[in-house]
Amino acid sequence: MMRWGSIIFSVPVILLLSLYAWELSIVTECIDQGLSYDFALEKCVTGVQNIETPYYARHTIFVNLMLLMSVVGSVLMTMAMIQRGMQRD
C-alpha cells in the first residue's frame, strides 16, 4: 500500500508541473519570435498579448482531479505507515 500511495501521490504533481512547464515554454517561444500567445486558441498570433489567464482557471476540473488524487495517495501512505508501526510491536 505504501508503494501505491507514493505513486498516486507523486505522479499527478509531476504531470501538472510538466504540463505547466510545457505551456510556459510555448508561450516563451512565441514571445521570443515577436508574437503573442492566444490562450483561447492555444497558438501564436500576431498582435498585442492578451491578458494571461492562469493554468488553473483554464483547466479547473483537471487540476482539481490531479490534486485530489495526490491527497488520496497521501492518505494511502499515511495508512500504510500507521499499519507498519502497529505491526512492529
N, C-alpha and C. Protein backbone atom coordinates (compact mmCIF):
# COMPACT_ATOMS: atom_id res chain seq x y z
N MET A 1 0.83 -1.19 0.00
CA MET A 1 0.00 0.00 0.00
C MET A 1 0.88 1.26 0.00
N MET A 2 2.04 1.17 0.62
CA MET A 2 2.94 2.32 0.66
C MET A 2 3.43 2.67 -0.75
N ARG A 3 3.75 1.64 -1.53
CA ARG A 3 4.24 1.88 -2.90
C ARG A 3 3.16 2.54 -3.76
N TRP A 4 1.95 2.00 -3.70
CA TRP A 4 0.86 2.59 -4.50
C TRP A 4 0.52 3.99 -4.03
N GLY A 5 0.55 4.22 -2.74
CA GLY A 5 0.31 5.56 -2.22
C GLY A 5 1.34 6.55 -2.71
N SER A 6 2.61 6.12 -2.75
CA SER A 6 3.67 7.00 -3.24
C SER A 6 3.49 7.33 -4.72
N ILE A 7 3.10 6.33 -5.49
CA ILE A 7 2.89 6.56 -6.92
C ILE A 7 1.70 7.48 -7.15
N ILE A 8 0.58 7.19 -6.47
CA ILE A 8 -0.62 8.01 -6.64
C ILE A 8 -0.38 9.44 -6.13
N PHE A 9 0.47 9.59 -5.14
CA PHE A 9 0.78 10.91 -4.61
C PHE A 9 1.66 11.72 -5.55
N SER A 10 2.66 11.10 -6.17
CA SER A 10 3.65 11.87 -6.91
C SER A 10 3.35 12.05 -8.40
N VAL A 11 2.73 11.08 -9.03
CA VAL A 11 2.51 11.17 -10.49
C VAL A 11 1.64 12.37 -10.88
N PRO A 12 0.51 12.65 -10.21
CA PRO A 12 -0.28 13.82 -10.61
C PRO A 12 0.48 15.15 -10.48
N VAL A 13 1.29 15.26 -9.44
CA VAL A 13 2.05 16.50 -9.26
C VAL A 13 3.08 16.66 -10.37
N ILE A 14 3.77 15.58 -10.70
CA ILE A 14 4.77 15.62 -11.78
C ILE A 14 4.08 15.94 -13.10
N LEU A 15 2.92 15.35 -13.34
CA LEU A 15 2.18 15.61 -14.58
C LEU A 15 1.76 17.08 -14.67
N LEU A 16 1.23 17.63 -13.58
CA LEU A 16 0.80 19.04 -13.59
C LEU A 16 1.98 19.98 -13.83
N LEU A 17 3.10 19.73 -13.14
CA LEU A 17 4.27 20.58 -13.33
C LEU A 17 4.81 20.47 -14.75
N SER A 18 4.79 19.28 -15.32
CA SER A 18 5.27 19.10 -16.70
C SER A 18 4.39 19.83 -17.70
N LEU A 19 3.08 19.72 -17.54
CA LEU A 19 2.17 20.41 -18.46
C LEU A 19 2.30 21.92 -18.35
N TYR A 20 2.43 22.42 -17.14
CA TYR A 20 2.60 23.85 -16.93
C TYR A 20 3.90 24.34 -17.57
N ALA A 21 4.98 23.60 -17.37
CA ALA A 21 6.27 23.99 -17.94
C ALA A 21 6.24 23.91 -19.46
N TRP A 22 5.55 22.91 -20.01
CA TRP A 22 5.45 22.78 -21.46
C TRP A 22 4.71 23.97 -22.05
N GLU A 23 3.60 24.36 -21.43
CA GLU A 23 2.85 25.52 -21.91
C GLU A 23 3.67 26.80 -21.77
N LEU A 24 4.39 26.93 -20.68
CA LEU A 24 5.22 28.11 -20.47
C LEU A 24 6.32 28.20 -21.53
N SER A 25 6.89 27.08 -21.93
CA SER A 25 7.93 27.11 -22.96
C SER A 25 7.35 27.51 -24.32
N ILE A 26 6.12 27.10 -24.61
CA ILE A 26 5.46 27.50 -25.87
C ILE A 26 5.22 29.01 -25.87
N VAL A 27 4.74 29.54 -24.74
CA VAL A 27 4.48 30.97 -24.63
C VAL A 27 5.79 31.75 -24.78
N THR A 28 6.84 31.27 -24.16
CA THR A 28 8.14 31.94 -24.25
C THR A 28 8.67 31.94 -25.68
N GLU A 29 8.49 30.84 -26.41
CA GLU A 29 8.91 30.79 -27.82
C GLU A 29 8.16 31.83 -28.64
N CYS A 30 6.87 31.96 -28.41
CA CYS A 30 6.08 32.96 -29.14
C CYS A 30 6.59 34.37 -28.86
N ILE A 31 6.83 34.66 -27.61
CA ILE A 31 7.30 35.99 -27.24
C ILE A 31 8.67 36.26 -27.83
N ASP A 32 9.54 35.23 -27.84
CA ASP A 32 10.88 35.39 -28.42
C ASP A 32 10.83 35.66 -29.92
N GLN A 33 9.80 35.16 -30.60
CA GLN A 33 9.64 35.39 -32.03
C GLN A 33 8.94 36.71 -32.33
N GLY A 34 8.58 37.46 -31.32
CA GLY A 34 7.91 38.74 -31.50
C GLY A 34 6.41 38.60 -31.67
N LEU A 35 5.88 37.44 -31.39
CA LEU A 35 4.44 37.20 -31.49
C LEU A 35 3.84 37.19 -30.09
N SER A 36 2.57 36.96 -30.02
CA SER A 36 1.92 36.80 -28.72
C SER A 36 1.16 35.48 -28.73
N TYR A 37 0.87 35.00 -27.58
CA TYR A 37 0.19 33.71 -27.44
C TYR A 37 -1.25 33.93 -27.05
N ASP A 38 -2.16 33.34 -27.82
CA ASP A 38 -3.59 33.43 -27.50
C ASP A 38 -3.98 32.16 -26.74
N PHE A 39 -4.32 32.31 -25.47
CA PHE A 39 -4.62 31.17 -24.63
C PHE A 39 -5.95 30.52 -25.01
N ALA A 40 -6.86 31.28 -25.59
CA ALA A 40 -8.14 30.69 -26.01
C ALA A 40 -7.96 29.79 -27.22
N LEU A 41 -7.12 30.23 -28.18
CA LEU A 41 -6.86 29.44 -29.38
C LEU A 41 -5.71 28.45 -29.18
N GLU A 42 -4.91 28.67 -28.16
CA GLU A 42 -3.73 27.86 -27.84
C GLU A 42 -2.74 27.83 -29.00
N LYS A 43 -2.44 29.04 -29.54
CA LYS A 43 -1.43 29.13 -30.59
C LYS A 43 -0.87 30.55 -30.64
N CYS A 44 0.24 30.69 -31.36
CA CYS A 44 0.87 32.01 -31.51
C CYS A 44 0.07 32.84 -32.51
N VAL A 45 -0.10 34.11 -32.20
CA VAL A 45 -0.81 35.02 -33.08
C VAL A 45 -0.05 36.34 -33.13
N THR A 46 -0.30 37.12 -34.17
CA THR A 46 0.28 38.45 -34.24
C THR A 46 -0.63 39.41 -33.50
N GLY A 47 -0.06 40.44 -32.98
CA GLY A 47 -0.86 41.42 -32.28
C GLY A 47 -0.43 41.57 -30.84
N VAL A 48 -1.28 42.23 -30.09
CA VAL A 48 -0.98 42.53 -28.69
C VAL A 48 -1.26 41.30 -27.83
N GLN A 49 -0.40 41.09 -26.86
CA GLN A 49 -0.58 39.97 -25.93
C GLN A 49 -1.85 40.17 -25.11
N ASN A 50 -2.72 39.16 -25.15
CA ASN A 50 -3.92 39.27 -24.33
C ASN A 50 -3.57 38.95 -22.88
N ILE A 51 -4.48 39.27 -21.99
CA ILE A 51 -4.23 39.04 -20.58
C ILE A 51 -4.18 37.54 -20.33
N GLU A 52 -3.12 37.11 -19.66
CA GLU A 52 -2.93 35.69 -19.40
C GLU A 52 -3.87 35.23 -18.29
N THR A 53 -4.57 34.15 -18.57
CA THR A 53 -5.36 33.53 -17.52
C THR A 53 -4.54 32.39 -16.94
N PRO A 54 -4.63 32.16 -15.65
CA PRO A 54 -3.84 31.09 -15.05
C PRO A 54 -4.21 29.71 -15.59
N TYR A 55 -3.26 28.80 -15.53
CA TYR A 55 -3.48 27.43 -15.99
C TYR A 55 -4.66 26.81 -15.24
N TYR A 56 -4.73 27.09 -13.94
CA TYR A 56 -5.82 26.54 -13.13
C TYR A 56 -7.19 27.03 -13.61
N ALA A 57 -7.27 28.30 -14.02
CA ALA A 57 -8.55 28.85 -14.46
C ALA A 57 -9.02 28.22 -15.77
N ARG A 58 -8.07 27.81 -16.60
CA ARG A 58 -8.44 27.21 -17.88
C ARG A 58 -8.66 25.71 -17.81
N HIS A 59 -8.09 25.05 -16.81
CA HIS A 59 -8.19 23.59 -16.68
C HIS A 59 -8.58 23.22 -15.24
N THR A 60 -9.64 23.80 -14.75
CA THR A 60 -10.03 23.66 -13.35
C THR A 60 -10.31 22.22 -12.96
N ILE A 61 -11.12 21.53 -13.73
CA ILE A 61 -11.50 20.16 -13.37
C ILE A 61 -10.29 19.24 -13.37
N PHE A 62 -9.45 19.35 -14.39
CA PHE A 62 -8.26 18.51 -14.48
C PHE A 62 -7.32 18.74 -13.30
N VAL A 63 -7.06 20.00 -12.98
CA VAL A 63 -6.16 20.32 -11.87
C VAL A 63 -6.75 19.83 -10.55
N ASN A 64 -8.03 20.04 -10.34
CA ASN A 64 -8.65 19.58 -9.09
C ASN A 64 -8.61 18.06 -8.96
N LEU A 65 -8.84 17.34 -10.07
CA LEU A 65 -8.77 15.88 -10.01
C LEU A 65 -7.35 15.40 -9.70
N MET A 66 -6.36 16.03 -10.28
CA MET A 66 -4.98 15.65 -10.02
C MET A 66 -4.60 15.91 -8.55
N LEU A 67 -5.05 17.03 -8.02
CA LEU A 67 -4.77 17.32 -6.62
C LEU A 67 -5.53 16.37 -5.70
N LEU A 68 -6.74 15.99 -6.07
CA LEU A 68 -7.50 15.02 -5.29
C LEU A 68 -6.80 13.67 -5.28
N MET A 69 -6.27 13.26 -6.44
CA MET A 69 -5.52 12.01 -6.50
C MET A 69 -4.30 12.07 -5.59
N SER A 70 -3.64 13.21 -5.55
CA SER A 70 -2.49 13.37 -4.67
C SER A 70 -2.88 13.22 -3.20
N VAL A 71 -4.01 13.77 -2.83
CA VAL A 71 -4.50 13.64 -1.46
C VAL A 71 -4.81 12.18 -1.14
N VAL A 72 -5.43 11.48 -2.09
CA VAL A 72 -5.72 10.05 -1.89
C VAL A 72 -4.42 9.28 -1.68
N GLY A 73 -3.40 9.60 -2.49
CA GLY A 73 -2.10 8.95 -2.33
C GLY A 73 -1.48 9.22 -0.98
N SER A 74 -1.61 10.43 -0.49
CA SER A 74 -1.03 10.75 0.82
C SER A 74 -1.79 10.02 1.93
N VAL A 75 -3.10 9.85 1.78
CA VAL A 75 -3.88 9.10 2.76
C VAL A 75 -3.45 7.63 2.76
N LEU A 76 -3.24 7.06 1.56
CA LEU A 76 -2.78 5.68 1.48
C LEU A 76 -1.41 5.51 2.13
N MET A 77 -0.51 6.45 1.89
CA MET A 77 0.81 6.37 2.52
C MET A 77 0.71 6.48 4.03
N THR A 78 -0.14 7.36 4.52
CA THR A 78 -0.32 7.52 5.97
C THR A 78 -0.88 6.25 6.59
N MET A 79 -1.87 5.66 5.92
CA MET A 79 -2.45 4.41 6.42
C MET A 79 -1.40 3.30 6.45
N ALA A 80 -0.58 3.22 5.43
CA ALA A 80 0.46 2.20 5.38
C ALA A 80 1.49 2.41 6.48
N MET A 81 1.85 3.66 6.76
CA MET A 81 2.81 3.93 7.83
C MET A 81 2.22 3.57 9.19
N ILE A 82 0.95 3.85 9.39
CA ILE A 82 0.30 3.50 10.66
C ILE A 82 0.25 1.99 10.83
N GLN A 83 -0.10 1.26 9.76
CA GLN A 83 -0.16 -0.20 9.84
C GLN A 83 1.21 -0.80 10.10
N ARG A 84 2.23 -0.30 9.46
CA ARG A 84 3.59 -0.81 9.68
C ARG A 84 4.03 -0.58 11.11
N GLY A 85 3.72 0.58 11.64
CA GLY A 85 4.10 0.88 13.01
C GLY A 85 3.41 -0.03 14.00
N MET A 86 2.17 -0.38 13.73
CA MET A 86 1.44 -1.26 14.62
C MET A 86 1.92 -2.70 14.52
N GLN A 87 2.42 -3.13 13.38
CA GLN A 87 2.89 -4.50 13.21
C GLN A 87 4.25 -4.74 13.84
N ARG A 88 5.04 -3.73 14.01
CA ARG A 88 6.40 -3.91 14.56
C ARG A 88 6.39 -4.22 16.05
N ASP A 89 5.35 -3.89 16.76
CA ASP A 89 5.30 -4.13 18.21
C ASP A 89 5.20 -5.57 18.54
